[in-house]
Amino acid sequence: MATSTAETCDVRTVGEALESDPALANGNPDPMAFLWRARLYIVRNILDRTETTWRVQASTGRAYGAGTYELERTAGGWTVRQCLD
């Protein structure tokens, strides 16, 4: 698996999206979307996850193919790497 260099990004999690209804949110940290290089990516599938890293398939729209990305949550925020496998 080859990856690009890590870059910062903004990530929205399922828990944040549902925080208006705490019963649904349940603190879910799974990413559902991220803003990277001025584009909004929607997470289509979570392929793998650890405590701080998510490997996801995401795309910028239905007309575009999904790519594989690695999102990592750190103390300073989130980073993203595009996976080239």
PDB file of N, CA and C in Angstrom:
ATOM      1  N   MET A   1       0.839  -1.181   0.000  1.00  0.00           N
ATOM      2  CA  MET A   1       0.000   0.000   0.000  1.00  0.00           C
ATOM      3  C   MET A   1       0.879   1.238   0.000  1.00  0.00           C
ATOM      4  N   ALA A   2       0.711   2.092  -0.968  1.00  0.00           N
ATOM      5  CA  ALA A   2       1.419   3.362  -1.012  1.00  0.00           C
ATOM      6  C   ALA A   2       0.453   4.470  -0.617  1.00  0.00           C
ATOM      7  N   THR A   3       0.960   5.446   0.109  1.00  0.00           N
ATOM      8  CA  THR A   3       0.106   6.565   0.509  1.00  0.00           C
ATOM      9  C   THR A   3       0.817   7.871   0.208  1.00  0.00           C
ATOM     10  N   SER A   4       0.048   8.926   0.077  1.00  0.00           N
ATOM     11  CA  SER A   4       0.611  10.249  -0.094  1.00  0.00           C
ATOM     12  C   SER A   4       0.975  10.820   1.277  1.00  0.00           C
ATOM     13  N   THR A   5       1.591  11.971   1.289  1.00  0.00           N
ATOM     14  CA  THR A   5       1.966  12.635   2.527  1.00  0.00           C
ATOM     15  C   THR A   5       0.721  13.092   3.283  1.00  0.00           C
ATOM     16  N   ALA A   6       0.764  13.010   4.596  1.00  0.00           N
ATOM     17  CA  ALA A   6      -0.375  13.423   5.417  1.00  0.00           C
ATOM     18  C   ALA A   6      -0.581  14.928   5.330  1.00  0.00           C
ATOM     19  N   GLU A   7      -1.831  15.323   5.201  1.00  0.00           N
ATOM     20  CA  GLU A   7      -2.214  16.733   5.182  1.00  0.00           C
ATOM     21  C   GLU A   7      -3.367  16.917   6.158  1.00  0.00           C
ATOM     22  N   THR A   8      -3.484  18.109   6.702  1.00  0.00           N
ATOM     23  CA  THR A   8      -4.583  18.371   7.621  1.00  0.00           C
ATOM     24  C   THR A   8      -5.898  18.470   6.856  1.00  0.00           C
ATOM     25  N   CYS A   9      -6.982  18.170   7.542  1.00  0.00           N
ATOM     26  CA  CYS A   9      -8.315  18.269   6.948  1.00  0.00           C
ATOM     27  C   CYS A   9      -9.330  18.488   8.058  1.00  0.00           C
ATOM     28  N   ASP A  10     -10.528  18.887   7.674  1.00  0.00           N
ATOM     29  CA  ASP A  10     -11.650  18.996   8.613  1.00  0.00           C
ATOM     30  C   ASP A  10     -12.522  17.767   8.437  1.00  0.00           C
ATOM     31  N   VAL A  11     -12.887  17.132   9.544  1.00  0.00           N
ATOM     32  CA  VAL A  11     -13.694  15.910   9.503  1.00  0.00           C
ATOM     33  C   VAL A  11     -14.962  16.108  10.313  1.00  0.00           C
ATOM     34  N   ARG A  12     -16.069  15.607   9.798  1.00  0.00           N
ATOM     35  CA  ARG A  12     -17.323  15.575  10.535  1.00  0.00           C
ATOM     36  C   ARG A  12     -17.623  14.121  10.853  1.00  0.00           C
ATOM     37  N   THR A  13     -17.947  13.849  12.104  1.00  0.00           N
ATOM     38  CA  THR A  13     -18.232  12.479  12.517  1.00  0.00           C
ATOM     39  C   THR A  13     -19.737  12.267  12.626  1.00  0.00           C
ATOM     40  N   VAL A  14     -20.122  11.027  12.674  1.00  0.00           N
ATOM     41  CA  VAL A  14     -21.534  10.684  12.830  1.00  0.00           C
ATOM     42  C   VAL A  14     -22.069  11.292  14.124  1.00  0.00           C
ATOM     43  N   GLY A  15     -21.304  11.210  15.195  1.00  0.00           N
ATOM     44  CA  GLY A  15     -21.731  11.763  16.477  1.00  0.00           C
ATOM     45  C   GLY A  15     -21.985  13.256  16.418  1.00  0.00           C
ATOM     46  N   GLU A  16     -21.138  13.999  15.699  1.00  0.00           N
ATOM     47  CA  GLU A  16     -21.335  15.440  15.558  1.00  0.00           C
ATOM     48  C   GLU A  16     -22.584  15.746  14.751  1.00  0.00           C
ATOM     49  N   ALA A  17     -22.810  14.982  13.707  1.00  0.00           N
ATOM     50  CA  ALA A  17     -23.971  15.222  12.851  1.00  0.00           C
ATOM     51  C   ALA A  17     -25.274  14.965  13.599  1.00  0.00           C
ATOM     52  N   LEU A  18     -25.241  14.062  14.542  1.00  0.00           N
ATOM     53  CA  LEU A  18     -26.462  13.684  15.259  1.00  0.00           C
ATOM     54  C   LEU A  18     -26.530  14.268  16.665  1.00  0.00           C
ATOM     55  N   GLU A  19     -25.677  15.247  16.972  1.00  0.00           N
ATOM     56  CA  GLU A  19     -25.637  15.728  18.350  1.00  0.00           C
ATOM     57  C   GLU A  19     -26.934  16.407  18.781  1.00  0.00           C
ATOM     58  N   SER A  20     -27.796  16.755  17.843  1.00  0.00           N
ATOM     59  CA  SER A  20     -29.101  17.305  18.230  1.00  0.00           C
ATOM     60  C   SER A  20     -29.980  16.234  18.884  1.00  0.00           C
ATOM     61  N   ASP A  21     -29.639  14.958  18.655  1.00  0.00           N
ATOM     62  CA  ASP A  21     -30.353  13.857  19.290  1.00  0.00           C
ATOM     63  C   ASP A  21     -29.326  12.930  19.946  1.00  0.00           C
ATOM     64  N   PRO A  22     -28.966  13.202  21.201  1.00  0.00           N
ATOM     65  CA  PRO A  22     -27.913  12.429  21.874  1.00  0.00           C
ATOM     66  C   PRO A  22     -28.161  10.929  21.897  1.00  0.00           C
ATOM     67  N   ALA A  23     -29.419  10.511  21.879  1.00  0.00           N
ATOM     68  CA  ALA A  23     -29.706   9.072  21.899  1.00  0.00           C
ATOM     69  C   ALA A  23     -29.189   8.403  20.621  1.00  0.00           C
ATOM     70  N   LEU A  24     -29.224   9.115  19.510  1.00  0.00           N
ATOM     71  CA  LEU A  24     -28.725   8.568  18.246  1.00  0.00           C
ATOM     72  C   LEU A  24     -27.215   8.719  18.124  1.00  0.00           C
ATOM     73  N   ALA A  25     -26.687   9.844  18.585  1.00  0.00           N
ATOM     74  CA  ALA A  25     -25.260  10.130  18.426  1.00  0.00           C
ATOM     75  C   ALA A  25     -24.406   9.116  19.167  1.00  0.00           C
ATOM     76  N   ASN A  26     -24.694   8.914  20.432  1.00  0.00           N
ATOM     77  CA  ASN A  26     -23.995   7.916  21.239  1.00  0.00           C
ATOM     78  C   ASN A  26     -22.479   8.031  21.148  1.00  0.00           C
ATOM     79  N   GLY A  27     -21.951   9.246  20.891  1.00  0.00           N
ATOM     80  CA  GLY A  27     -20.510   9.458  20.840  1.00  0.00           C
ATOM     81  C   GLY A  27     -19.812   8.764  19.684  1.00  0.00           C
ATOM     82  N   ASN A  28     -20.525   8.449  18.623  1.00  0.00           N
ATOM     83  CA  ASN A  28     -19.942   7.722  17.498  1.00  0.00           C
ATOM     84  C   ASN A  28     -18.854   8.560  16.829  1.00  0.00           C
ATOM     85  N   PRO A  29     -17.582   8.085  16.844  1.00  0.00           N
ATOM     86  CA  PRO A  29     -16.481   8.866  16.278  1.00  0.00           C
ATOM     87  C   PRO A  29     -16.228   8.577  14.797  1.00  0.00           C
ATOM     88  N   ASP A  30     -17.043   7.717  14.165  1.00  0.00           N
ATOM     89  CA  ASP A  30     -16.785   7.365  12.768  1.00  0.00           C
ATOM     90  C   ASP A  30     -16.936   8.585  11.860  1.00  0.00           C
ATOM     91  N   PRO A  31     -15.969   8.793  10.967  1.00  0.00           N
ATOM     92  CA  PRO A  31     -16.073   9.928  10.042  1.00  0.00           C
ATOM     93  C   PRO A  31     -17.166   9.689   9.007  1.00  0.00           C
ATOM     94  N   MET A  32     -17.916  10.749   8.673  1.00  0.00           N
ATOM     95  CA  MET A  32     -18.937  10.631   7.639  1.00  0.00           C
ATOM     96  C   MET A  32     -18.635  11.531   6.452  1.00  0.00           C
ATOM     97  N   ALA A  33     -17.771  12.537   6.669  1.00  0.00           N
ATOM     98  CA  ALA A  33     -17.379  13.447   5.597  1.00  0.00           C
ATOM     99  C   ALA A  33     -16.101  14.161   6.012  1.00  0.00           C
ATOM    100  N   PHE A  34     -15.331  14.616   5.009  1.00  0.00           N
ATOM    101  CA  PHE A  34     -14.162  15.432   5.313  1.00  0.00           C
ATOM    102  C   PHE A  34     -13.926  16.442   4.204  1.00  0.00           C
ATOM    103  N   LEU A  35     -13.398  17.585   4.599  1.00  0.00           N
ATOM    104  CA  LEU A  35     -13.081  18.669   3.680  1.00  0.00           C
ATOM    105  C   LEU A  35     -11.572  18.657   3.497  1.00  0.00           C
ATOM    106  N   TRP A  36     -11.132  18.467   2.236  1.00  0.00           N
ATOM    107  CA  TRP A  36      -9.703  18.356   1.942  1.00  0.00           C
ATOM    108  C   TRP A  36      -9.437  19.000   0.594  1.00  0.00           C
ATOM    109  N   ARG A  37      -8.456  19.868   0.560  1.00  0.00           N
ATOM    110  CA  ARG A  37      -8.084  20.575  -0.679  1.00  0.00           C
ATOM    111  C   ARG A  37      -9.303  21.264  -1.310  1.00  0.00           C
ATOM    112  N   ALA A  38     -10.089  21.906  -0.458  1.00  0.00           N
ATOM    113  CA  ALA A  38     -11.274  22.686  -0.854  1.00  0.00           C
ATOM    114  C   ALA A  38     -12.365  21.845  -1.503  1.00  0.00           C
ATOM    115  N   ARG A  39     -12.395  20.541  -1.219  1.00  0.00           N
ATOM    116  CA  ARG A  39     -13.438  19.657  -1.742  1.00  0.00           C
ATOM    117  C   ARG A  39     -14.054  18.864  -0.594  1.00  0.00           C
ATOM    118  N   LEU A  40     -15.354  18.669  -0.676  1.00  0.00           N
ATOM    119  CA  LEU A  40     -16.060  17.878   0.326  1.00  0.00           C
ATOM    120  C   LEU A  40     -16.122  16.427  -0.142  1.00  0.00           C
ATOM    121  N   TYR A  41     -15.596  15.529   0.670  1.00  0.00           N
ATOM    122  CA  TYR A  41     -15.624  14.092   0.391  1.00  0.00           C
ATOM    123  C   TYR A  41     -16.632  13.441   1.326  1.00  0.00           C
ATOM    124  N   ILE A  42     -17.495  12.606   0.774  1.00  0.00           N
ATOM    125  CA  ILE A  42     -18.476  11.867   1.556  1.00  0.00           C
ATOM    126  C   ILE A  42     -17.954  10.444   1.742  1.00  0.00           C
ATOM    127  N   VAL A  43     -17.911   9.999   2.978  1.00  0.00           N
ATOM    128  CA  VAL A  43     -17.451   8.636   3.264  1.00  0.00           C
ATOM    129  C   VAL A  43     -18.539   7.669   2.843  1.00  0.00           C
ATOM    130  N   ARG A  44     -18.203   6.770   1.941  1.00  0.00           N
ATOM    131  CA  ARG A  44     -19.157   5.778   1.426  1.00  0.00           C
ATOM    132  C   ARG A  44     -19.070   4.459   2.183  1.00  0.00           C
ATOM    133  N   ASN A  45     -17.865   4.141   2.676  1.00  0.00           N
ATOM    134  CA  ASN A  45     -17.668   2.849   3.326  1.00  0.00           C
ATOM    135  C   ASN A  45     -16.463   2.933   4.256  1.00  0.00           C
ATOM    136  N   ILE A  46     -16.563   2.369   5.435  1.00  0.00           N
ATOM    137  CA  ILE A  46     -15.420   2.265   6.341  1.00  0.00           C
ATOM    138  C   ILE A  46     -14.822   0.882   6.142  1.00  0.00           C
ATOM    139  N   LEU A  47     -13.576   0.847   5.667  1.00  0.00           N
ATOM    140  CA  LEU A  47     -12.915  -0.414   5.353  1.00  0.00           C
ATOM    141  C   LEU A  47     -12.233  -1.034   6.560  1.00  0.00           C
ATOM    142  N   ASP A  48     -11.677  -0.177   7.420  1.00  0.00           N
ATOM    143  CA  ASP A  48     -10.936  -0.660   8.583  1.00  0.00           C
ATOM    144  C   ASP A  48     -10.822   0.490   9.568  1.00  0.00           C
ATOM    145  N   ARG A  49     -10.666   0.161  10.834  1.00  0.00           N
ATOM    146  CA  ARG A  49     -10.472   1.224  11.827  1.00  0.00           C
ATOM    147  C   ARG A  49      -9.713   0.684  13.026  1.00  0.00           C
ATOM    148  N   THR A  50      -8.954   1.601  13.629  1.00  0.00           N
ATOM    149  CA  THR A  50      -8.314   1.348  14.909  1.00  0.00           C
ATOM    150  C   THR A  50      -8.838   2.428  15.840  1.00  0.00           C
ATOM    151  N   GLU A  51      -8.193   2.606  16.959  1.00  0.00           N
ATOM    152  CA  GLU A  51      -8.668   3.626  17.909  1.00  0.00           C
ATOM    153  C   GLU A  51      -8.568   5.043  17.344  1.00  0.00           C
ATOM    154  N   THR A  52      -7.548   5.314  16.526  1.00  0.00           N
ATOM    155  CA  THR A  52      -7.349   6.677  16.028  1.00  0.00           C
ATOM    156  C   THR A  52      -7.273   6.783  14.510  1.00  0.00           C
ATOM    157  N   THR A  53      -7.341   5.679  13.784  1.00  0.00           N
ATOM    158  CA  THR A  53      -7.189   5.696  12.329  1.00  0.00           C
ATOM    159  C   THR A  53      -8.351   4.980  11.651  1.00  0.00           C
ATOM    160  N   TRP A  54      -8.863   5.593  10.595  1.00  0.00           N
ATOM    161  CA  TRP A  54      -9.936   5.015   9.794  1.00  0.00           C
ATOM    162  C   TRP A  54      -9.458   4.918   8.351  1.00  0.00           C
ATOM    163  N   ARG A  55      -9.652   3.778   7.736  1.00  0.00           N
ATOM    164  CA  ARG A  55      -9.397   3.598   6.305  1.00  0.00           C
ATOM    165  C   ARG A  55     -10.770   3.559   5.651  1.00  0.00           C
ATOM    166  N   VAL A  56     -11.020   4.528   4.749  1.00  0.00           N
ATOM    167  CA  VAL A  56     -12.361   4.697   4.198  1.00  0.00           C
ATOM    168  C   VAL A  56     -12.342   4.784   2.677  1.00  0.00           C
ATOM    169  N   GLN A  57     -13.479   4.496   2.075  1.00  0.00           N
ATOM    170  CA  GLN A  57     -13.713   4.809   0.678  1.00  0.00           C
ATOM    171  C   GLN A  57     -14.577   6.053   0.679  1.00  0.00           C
ATOM    172  N   ALA A  58     -14.174   7.053  -0.104  1.00  0.00           N
ATOM    173  CA  ALA A  58     -14.908   8.314  -0.135  1.00  0.00           C
ATOM    174  C   ALA A  58     -14.861   8.891  -1.542  1.00  0.00           C
ATOM    175  N   SER A  59     -15.852   9.732  -1.844  1.00  0.00           N
ATOM    176  CA  SER A  59     -15.884  10.390  -3.145  1.00  0.00           C
ATOM    177  C   SER A  59     -16.454  11.790  -2.990  1.00  0.00           C
ATOM    178  N   THR A  60     -16.244  12.596  -4.039  1.00  0.00           N
ATOM    179  CA  THR A  60     -16.745  13.969  -4.018  1.00  0.00           C
ATOM    180  C   THR A  60     -18.146  14.067  -4.610  1.00  0.00           C
ATOM    181  N   GLY A  61     -18.699  12.966  -5.031  1.00  0.00           N
ATOM    182  CA  GLY A  61     -20.056  12.945  -5.569  1.00  0.00           C
ATOM    183  C   GLY A  61     -20.357  11.605  -6.201  1.00  0.00           C
ATOM    184  N   ARG A  62     -21.613  11.381  -6.491  1.00  0.00           N
ATOM    185  CA  ARG A  62     -22.015  10.093  -7.060  1.00  0.00           C
ATOM    186  C   ARG A  62     -21.427   9.855  -8.446  1.00  0.00           C
ATOM    187  N   ALA A  63     -21.179  10.919  -9.178  1.00  0.00           N
ATOM    188  CA  ALA A  63     -20.657  10.779 -10.537  1.00  0.00           C
ATOM    189  C   ALA A  63     -19.161  10.465 -10.555  1.00  0.00           C
ATOM    190  N   TYR A  64     -18.503  10.583  -9.410  1.00  0.00           N
ATOM    191  CA  TYR A  64     -17.067  10.354  -9.332  1.00  0.00           C
ATOM    192  C   TYR A  64     -16.792   9.034  -8.620  1.00  0.00           C
ATOM    193  N   GLY A  65     -15.785   8.336  -9.080  1.00  0.00           N
ATOM    194  CA  GLY A  65     -15.408   7.086  -8.431  1.00  0.00           C
ATOM    195  C   GLY A  65     -14.875   7.328  -7.031  1.00  0.00           C
ATOM    196  N   ALA A  66     -15.031   6.332  -6.186  1.00  0.00           N
ATOM    197  CA  ALA A  66     -14.541   6.448  -4.808  1.00  0.00           C
ATOM    198  C   ALA A  66     -13.056   6.133  -4.761  1.00  0.00           C
ATOM    199  N   GLY A  67     -12.347   6.842  -3.912  1.00  0.00           N
ATOM    200  CA  GLY A  67     -10.942   6.571  -3.647  1.00  0.00           C
ATOM    201  C   GLY A  67     -10.800   6.046  -2.232  1.00  0.00           C
ATOM    202  N   THR A  68      -9.625   5.522  -1.924  1.00  0.00           N
ATOM    203  CA  THR A  68      -9.356   5.017  -0.583  1.00  0.00           C
ATOM    204  C   THR A  68      -8.498   6.041   0.146  1.00  0.00           C
ATOM    205  N   TYR A  69      -8.899   6.376   1.373  1.00  0.00           N
ATOM    206  CA  TYR A  69      -8.223   7.396   2.165  1.00  0.00           C
ATOM    207  C   TYR A  69      -8.009   6.885   3.576  1.00  0.00           C
ATOM    208  N   GLU A  70      -6.968   7.391   4.199  1.00  0.00           N
ATOM    209  CA  GLU A  70      -6.682   7.069   5.592  1.00  0.00           C
ATOM    210  C   GLU A  70      -6.828   8.353   6.395  1.00  0.00           C
ATOM    211  N   LEU A  71      -7.773   8.353   7.323  1.00  0.00           N
ATOM    212  CA  LEU A  71      -8.013   9.500   8.200  1.00  0.00           C
ATOM    213  C   LEU A  71      -7.475   9.164   9.582  1.00  0.00           C
ATOM    214  N   GLU A  72      -6.712  10.094  10.146  1.00  0.00           N
ATOM    215  CA  GLU A  72      -6.149   9.862  11.470  1.00  0.00           C
ATOM    216  C   GLU A  72      -6.494  11.019  12.390  1.00  0.00           C
ATOM    217  N   ARG A  73      -7.025  10.675  13.559  1.00  0.00           N
ATOM    218  CA  ARG A  73      -7.362  11.678  14.573  1.00  0.00           C
ATOM    219  C   ARG A  73      -6.181  11.805  15.521  1.00  0.00           C
ATOM    220  N   THR A  74      -5.659  13.022  15.659  1.00  0.00           N
ATOM    221  CA  THR A  74      -4.538  13.288  16.555  1.00  0.00           C
ATOM    222  C   THR A  74      -4.946  14.360  17.549  1.00  0.00           C
ATOM    223  N   ALA A  75      -4.072  14.653  18.488  1.00  0.00           N
ATOM    224  CA  ALA A  75      -4.362  15.701  19.476  1.00  0.00           C
ATOM    225  C   ALA A  75      -4.536  17.059  18.796  1.00  0.00           C
ATOM    226  N   GLY A  76      -3.872  17.253  17.669  1.00  0.00           N
ATOM    227  CA  GLY A  76      -3.947  18.525  16.957  1.00  0.00           C
ATOM    228  C   GLY A  76      -5.057  18.607  15.928  1.00  0.00           C
ATOM    229  N   GLY A  77      -5.831  17.561  15.754  1.00  0.00           N
ATOM    230  CA  GLY A  77      -6.903  17.567  14.754  1.00  0.00           C
ATOM    231  C   GLY A  77      -6.873  16.295  13.921  1.00  0.00           C
ATOM    232  N   TRP A  78      -7.239  16.422  12.664  1.00  0.00           N
ATOM    233  CA  TRP A  78      -7.297  15.282  11.754  1.00  0.00           C
ATOM    234  C   TRP A  78      -6.301  15.448  10.621  1.00  0.00           C
ATOM    235  N   THR A  79      -5.786  14.321  10.110  1.00  0.00           N
ATOM    236  CA  THR A  79      -4.973  14.322   8.901  1.00  0.00           C
ATOM    237  C   THR A  79      -5.567  13.310   7.931  1.00  0.00           C
ATOM    238  N   VAL A  80      -5.273  13.512   6.643  1.00  0.00           N
ATOM    239  CA  VAL A  80      -5.757  12.600   5.617  1.00  0.00           C
ATOM    240  C   VAL A  80      -4.594  12.219   4.710  1.00  0.00           C
ATOM    241  N   ARG A  81      -4.609  10.981   4.261  1.00  0.00           N
ATOM    242  CA  ARG A  81      -3.666  10.484   3.264  1.00  0.00           C
ATOM    243  C   ARG A  81      -4.479   9.763   2.196  1.00  0.00           C
ATOM    244  N   GLN A  82      -4.155  10.024   0.947  1.00  0.00           N
ATOM    245  CA  GLN A  82      -4.806   9.254  -0.121  1.00  0.00           C
ATOM    246  C   GLN A  82      -4.008   7.977  -0.321  1.00  0.00           C
ATOM    247  N   CYS A  83      -4.685   6.857  -0.336  1.00  0.00           N
ATOM    248  CA  CYS A  83      -4.020   5.560  -0.499  1.00  0.00           C
ATOM    249  C   CYS A  83      -4.023   5.186  -1.972  1.00  0.00           C
ATOM    250  N   LEU A  84      -2.899   4.713  -2.441  1.00  0.00           N
ATOM    251  CA  LEU A  84      -2.740   4.422  -3.858  1.00  0.00           C
ATOM    252  C   LEU A  84      -2.634   2.918  -4.102  1.00  0.00           C
ATOM    253  N   ASP A  85      -3.566   2.165  -3.559  1.00  0.00           N
ATOM    254  CA  ASP A  85      -3.508   0.712  -3.773  1.00  0.00           C
ATOM    255  C   ASP A  85      -4.671   0.214  -4.578  1.00  0.00           C
TER     256      ASP A  85
END
